[in-house]
C-alpha atoms as a PDB file:
ATOM      1  CA  MET A   1     -35.238 -97.095   6.795  1.00  0.00           C
ATOM      2  CA  LYS A   2     -32.680 -97.728   9.562  1.00  0.00           C
ATOM      3  CA  THR A   3     -33.134-100.807  11.652  1.00  0.00           C
ATOM      4  CA  THR A   4     -30.405-100.180  14.158  1.00  0.00           C
ATOM      5  CA  CYS A   5     -30.889-101.217  17.681  1.00  0.00           C
ATOM      6  CA  LYS A   6     -29.719 -99.430  20.836  1.00  0.00           C
ATOM      7  CA  GLU A   7     -26.705-101.427  22.070  1.00  0.00           C
ATOM      8  CA  ASP A   8     -25.824 -99.461  25.173  1.00  0.00           C
ATOM      9  CA  VAL A   9     -28.756-100.475  27.377  1.00  0.00           C
ATOM     10  CA  ARG A  10     -28.219-100.939  31.151  1.00  0.00           C
ATOM     11  CA  SER A  11     -29.502-104.439  31.013  1.00  0.00           C
ATOM     12  CA  HIS A  12     -31.590-106.725  28.744  1.00  0.00           C
ATOM     13  CA  CYS A  13     -34.301-107.102  31.344  1.00  0.00           C
ATOM     14  CA  SER A  14     -37.445-106.769  29.168  1.00  0.00           C
ATOM     15  CA  VAL A  15     -38.863-103.894  31.233  1.00  0.00           C
ATOM     16  CA  ASN A  16     -35.576-101.956  31.223  1.00  0.00           C
ATOM     17  CA  TYR A  17     -35.095-102.462  27.441  1.00  0.00           C
ATOM     18  CA  GLY A  18     -38.558-101.187  26.632  1.00  0.00           C
ATOM     19  CA  LEU A  19     -38.163 -98.167  28.967  1.00  0.00           C
ATOM     20  CA  GLU A  20     -34.850 -97.250  27.416  1.00  0.00           C
ATOM     21  CA  ILE A  21     -36.246 -97.420  23.935  1.00  0.00           C
ATOM     22  CA  PHE A  22     -39.732 -95.959  24.237  1.00  0.00           C
ATOM     23  CA  GLY A  23     -40.371 -95.272  27.931  1.00  0.00           C
ATOM     24  CA  ASP A  24     -39.653 -91.565  28.239  1.00  0.00           C
ATOM     25  CA  LYS A  25     -42.673 -89.189  28.412  1.00  0.00           C
ATOM     26  CA  TRP A  26     -41.815 -87.342  25.131  1.00  0.00           C
ATOM     27  CA  SER A  27     -41.372 -90.442  23.016  1.00  0.00           C
ATOM     28  CA  LEU A  28     -44.696 -91.907  24.008  1.00  0.00           C
ATOM     29  CA  LEU A  29     -46.323 -88.575  23.432  1.00  0.00           C
ATOM     30  CA  ILE A  30     -45.061 -88.517  19.805  1.00  0.00           C
ATOM     31  CA  VAL A  31     -46.401 -92.030  19.276  1.00  0.00           C
ATOM     32  CA  ARG A  32     -49.725 -90.912  20.869  1.00  0.00           C
ATOM     33  CA  ASP A  33     -49.962 -87.852  18.575  1.00  0.00           C
ATOM     34  CA  ILE A  34     -49.474 -90.063  15.478  1.00  0.00           C
ATOM     35  CA  VAL A  35     -52.028 -92.692  16.640  1.00  0.00           C
ATOM     36  CA  PHE A  36     -54.657 -90.413  18.138  1.00  0.00           C
ATOM     37  CA  ALA A  37     -54.418 -87.225  16.265  1.00  0.00           C
ATOM     38  CA  GLY A  38     -52.685 -88.132  13.003  1.00  0.00           C
ATOM     39  CA  LYS A  39     -49.821 -85.713  13.471  1.00  0.00           C
ATOM     40  CA  LYS A  40     -47.036 -86.223  11.024  1.00  0.00           C
ATOM     41  CA  THR A  41     -44.721 -83.114  11.060  1.00  0.00           C
ATOM     42  CA  TYR A  42     -42.291 -81.450  13.451  1.00  0.00           C
ATOM     43  CA  GLY A  43     -44.573 -78.397  13.515  1.00  0.00           C
ATOM     44  CA  GLU A  44     -47.672 -80.471  14.390  1.00  0.00           C
ATOM     45  CA  PHE A  45     -45.858 -82.259  17.200  1.00  0.00           C
ATOM     46  CA  LEU A  46     -44.620 -78.921  18.552  1.00  0.00           C
ATOM     47  CA  LYS A  47     -48.270 -77.720  19.024  1.00  0.00           C
ATOM     48  CA  SER A  48     -49.069 -80.596  21.453  1.00  0.00           C
ATOM     49  CA  GLU A  49     -50.661 -79.519  24.716  1.00  0.00           C
ATOM     50  CA  GLU A  50     -47.722 -80.709  26.782  1.00  0.00           C
ATOM     51  CA  GLY A  51     -45.398 -78.129  25.207  1.00  0.00           C
ATOM     52  CA  PHE A  52     -42.409 -79.860  23.654  1.00  0.00           C
ATOM     53  CA  ALA A  53     -39.236 -77.905  23.864  1.00  0.00           C
ATOM     54  CA  THR A  54     -37.785 -77.658  20.335  1.00  0.00           C
ATOM     55  CA  ASN A  55     -34.461 -79.396  21.238  1.00  0.00           C
ATOM     56  CA  VAL A  56     -36.333 -82.248  23.075  1.00  0.00           C
ATOM     57  CA  LEU A  57     -38.660 -82.795  20.149  1.00  0.00           C
ATOM     58  CA  ALA A  58     -35.879 -82.849  17.561  1.00  0.00           C
ATOM     59  CA  SER A  59     -33.844 -85.218  19.823  1.00  0.00           C
ATOM     60  CA  ARG A  60     -36.758 -87.607  20.363  1.00  0.00           C
ATOM     61  CA  LEU A  61     -37.756 -87.702  16.721  1.00  0.00           C
ATOM     62  CA  ALA A  62     -34.192 -88.555  15.681  1.00  0.00           C
ATOM     63  CA  PHE A  63     -33.860 -91.171  18.467  1.00  0.00           C
ATOM     64  CA  LEU A  64     -37.126 -92.866  17.528  1.00  0.00           C
ATOM     65  CA  GLU A  65     -36.131 -92.946  13.848  1.00  0.00           C
ATOM     66  CA  GLU A  66     -32.704 -94.317  14.830  1.00  0.00           C
ATOM     67  CA  GLN A  67     -34.377 -97.035  16.853  1.00  0.00           C
ATOM     68  CA  GLY A  68     -36.676 -98.009  13.942  1.00  0.00           C
ATOM     69  CA  ILE A  69     -39.883 -96.867  15.584  1.00  0.00           C
ATOM     70  CA  LEU A  70     -40.448 -93.964  13.220  1.00  0.00           C
ATOM     71  CA  SER A  71     -39.671 -93.441   9.519  1.00  0.00           C
ATOM     72  CA  LYS A  72     -39.068 -90.047   8.084  1.00  0.00           C
ATOM     73  CA  THR A  73     -40.016 -89.028   4.499  1.00  0.00           C
ATOM     74  CA  PRO A  74     -39.329 -85.644   2.962  1.00  0.00           C
ATOM     75  CA  SER A  75     -42.388 -83.809   1.672  1.00  0.00           C
ATOM     76  CA  SER A  76     -42.601 -83.768  -2.083  1.00  0.00           C
ATOM     77  CA  ALA A  77     -44.199 -80.240  -1.923  1.00  0.00           C
ATOM     78  CA  ASP A  78     -41.712 -78.699   0.562  1.00  0.00           C
ATOM     79  CA  ARG A  79     -38.324 -80.327   0.910  1.00  0.00           C
ATOM     80  CA  ARG A  80     -37.794 -78.519   4.235  1.00  0.00           C
ATOM     81  CA  LYS A  81     -40.646 -80.459   5.753  1.00  0.00           C
ATOM     82  CA  ASP A  82     -40.461 -84.143   6.759  1.00  0.00           C
ATOM     83  CA  PHE A  83     -43.313 -86.479   7.466  1.00  0.00           C
ATOM     84  CA  TYR A  84     -42.974 -89.021  10.279  1.00  0.00           C
ATOM     85  CA  ALA A  85     -44.821 -92.307  10.420  1.00  0.00           C
ATOM     86  CA  LEU A  86     -44.694 -95.346  12.674  1.00  0.00           C
ATOM     87  CA  THR A  87     -42.822 -98.367  11.295  1.00  0.00           C
ATOM     88  CA  GLU A  88     -44.005-101.944  12.040  1.00  0.00           C
ATOM     89  CA  LYS A  89     -41.917-101.776  15.131  1.00  0.00           C
ATOM     90  CA  GLY A  90     -43.622 -98.557  16.187  1.00  0.00           C
ATOM     91  CA  LEU A  91     -47.054 -99.931  15.367  1.00  0.00           C
ATOM     92  CA  ASP A  92     -46.355-102.722  17.869  1.00  0.00           C
ATOM     93  CA  LEU A  93     -46.437 -99.994  20.548  1.00  0.00           C
ATOM     94  CA  ILE A  94     -50.194 -99.424  19.998  1.00  0.00           C
ATOM     95  CA  PRO A  95     -51.398-102.126  22.421  1.00  0.00           C
ATOM     96  CA  ILE A  96     -49.145-100.642  25.138  1.00  0.00           C
ATOM     97  CA  LEU A  97     -50.432 -97.161  24.472  1.00  0.00           C
ATOM     98  CA  LEU A  98     -54.027 -98.360  24.565  1.00  0.00           C
ATOM     99  CA  ASN A  99     -53.541-100.126  27.846  1.00  0.00           C
ATOM    100  CA  ILE A 100     -52.078 -96.873  29.272  1.00  0.00           C
ATOM    101  CA  VAL A 101     -55.222 -95.139  28.024  1.00  0.00           C
ATOM    102  CA  LEU A 102     -57.380 -97.706  29.829  1.00  0.00           C
ATOM    103  CA  TRP A 103     -55.352 -97.390  33.022  1.00  0.00           C
ATOM    104  CA  SER A 104     -55.556 -93.612  32.884  1.00  0.00           C
ATOM    105  CA  ALA A 105     -59.249 -93.578  32.182  1.00  0.00           C
ATOM    106  CA  LYS A 106     -59.784 -95.733  35.257  1.00  0.00           C
ATOM    107  CA  HIS A 107     -57.545 -93.764  37.653  1.00  0.00           C
ATOM    108  CA  ASP A 108     -57.556 -90.121  36.405  1.00  0.00           C
ATOM    109  CA  PRO A 109     -60.951 -88.605  37.116  1.00  0.00           C
ATOM    110  CA  LYS A 110     -60.158 -85.752  34.626  1.00  0.00           C
ATOM    111  CA  SER A 111     -59.032 -88.049  31.815  1.00  0.00           C
ATOM    112  CA  TYR A 112     -60.055 -86.799  28.385  1.00  0.00           C
ATOM    113  CA  THR A 113     -60.633 -90.359  27.438  1.00  0.00           C
ATOM    114  CA  ARG A 114     -63.508 -90.681  29.938  1.00  0.00           C
ATOM    115  CA  ARG A 115     -65.503 -88.448  27.505  1.00  0.00           C
ATOM    116  CA  ARG A 116     -65.136 -91.240  24.898  1.00  0.00           C
ATOM    117  CA  LYS A 117     -67.282 -93.763  26.744  1.00  0.00           C
ATOM    118  CA  GLU A 118     -67.932 -95.932  23.627  1.00  0.00           C
ATOM    119  CA  PHE A 119     -64.148 -96.086  22.812  1.00  0.00           C
ATOM    120  CA  VAL A 120     -63.277 -97.008  26.450  1.00  0.00           C
ATOM    121  CA  ALA A 121     -65.969 -99.624  26.474  1.00  0.00           C
ATOM    122  CA  ARG A 122     -64.592-101.148  23.308  1.00  0.00           C
ATOM    123  CA  LEU A 123     -61.084-101.202  24.749  1.00  0.00           C
ATOM    124  CA  ASN A 124     -62.366-102.869  27.942  1.00  0.00           C
ATOM    125  CA  ARG A 125     -64.074-105.604  25.917  1.00  0.00           C
ATOM    126  CA  SER A 126     -60.976-106.343  23.777  1.00  0.00           C
ATOM    127  CA  VAL A 127     -57.781-104.300  23.753  1.00  0.00           C
ATOM    128  CA  GLN A 128     -56.347-106.874  21.407  1.00  0.00           C
ATOM    129  CA  LYS A 129     -59.117-106.511  18.809  1.00  0.00           C
ATOM    130  CA  VAL A 130     -59.095-102.697  19.004  1.00  0.00           C
ATOM    131  CA  SER A 131     -55.263-102.659  18.772  1.00  0.00           C
ATOM    132  CA  GLY A 132     -55.419-104.667  15.546  1.00  0.00           C
ATOM    133  CA  GLU A 133     -57.926-102.228  14.078  1.00  0.00           C
ATOM    134  CA  VAL A 134     -55.941 -99.192  15.140  1.00  0.00           C
ATOM    135  CA  LYS A 135     -52.746-100.721  13.750  1.00  0.00           C
ATOM    136  CA  GLU A 136     -54.391-101.074  10.320  1.00  0.00           C
ATOM    137  CA  LEU A 137     -55.844 -97.596  10.525  1.00  0.00           C
ATOM    138  CA  VAL A 138     -52.491 -95.937  11.406  1.00  0.00           C
ATOM    139  CA  ARG A 139     -50.612 -98.153   8.870  1.00  0.00           C
ATOM    140  CA  ASP A 140     -52.912 -96.743   6.238  1.00  0.00           C
ATOM    141  CA  GLY A 141     -52.199 -93.076   7.341  1.00  0.00           C
ATOM    142  CA  GLY A 142     -55.286 -92.626   9.565  1.00  0.00           C
ATOM    143  CA  CYS A 143     -55.701 -91.927  13.249  1.00  0.00           C
ATOM    144  CA  ILE A 144     -58.263 -92.651  15.986  1.00  0.00           C
ATOM    145  CA  PHE A 145     -59.545 -89.146  16.560  1.00  0.00           C
ATOM    146  CA  PRO A 146     -58.613 -86.885  13.545  1.00  0.00           C
ATOM    147  CA  GLN A 147     -60.169 -83.788  15.066  1.00  0.00           C
ATOM    148  CA  VAL A 148     -58.055 -83.997  18.287  1.00  0.00           C
ATOM    149  CA  ASN A 149     -54.942 -81.815  18.525  1.00  0.00           C
ATOM    150  CA  GLY A 150     -53.131 -83.486  21.409  1.00  0.00           C
END
């Protein structure tokens, strides 16, 4: 696993650094797909509702791996297929992602998450507790909503 860090950031302001490493739309959607839907392969990410362009997806997967947010493991059954997983550094993005979910559920009247009233209520009670549970779940190869495709 590579543990390189991006050295060419505009500044080391904490907000800027975070945005440069994980703040683009596509990177967070890859993390979302792993955490919420259990996606693990390029082909699964490509099927996301937002419609990744193939070059953007390949670029973001490589960048997230280079930054130590994702790890890539070749499939033992098909060497042409790789499996992506969050590293510990990537798992640390889960509380951020869950806070974005809460914010969106509050402000987007059409948010898919609003249909998950129990989940949103648990998040509202303790994002920290749910984040810890989700980290363990994802670390063990699981996801929040295995039946969701995006």
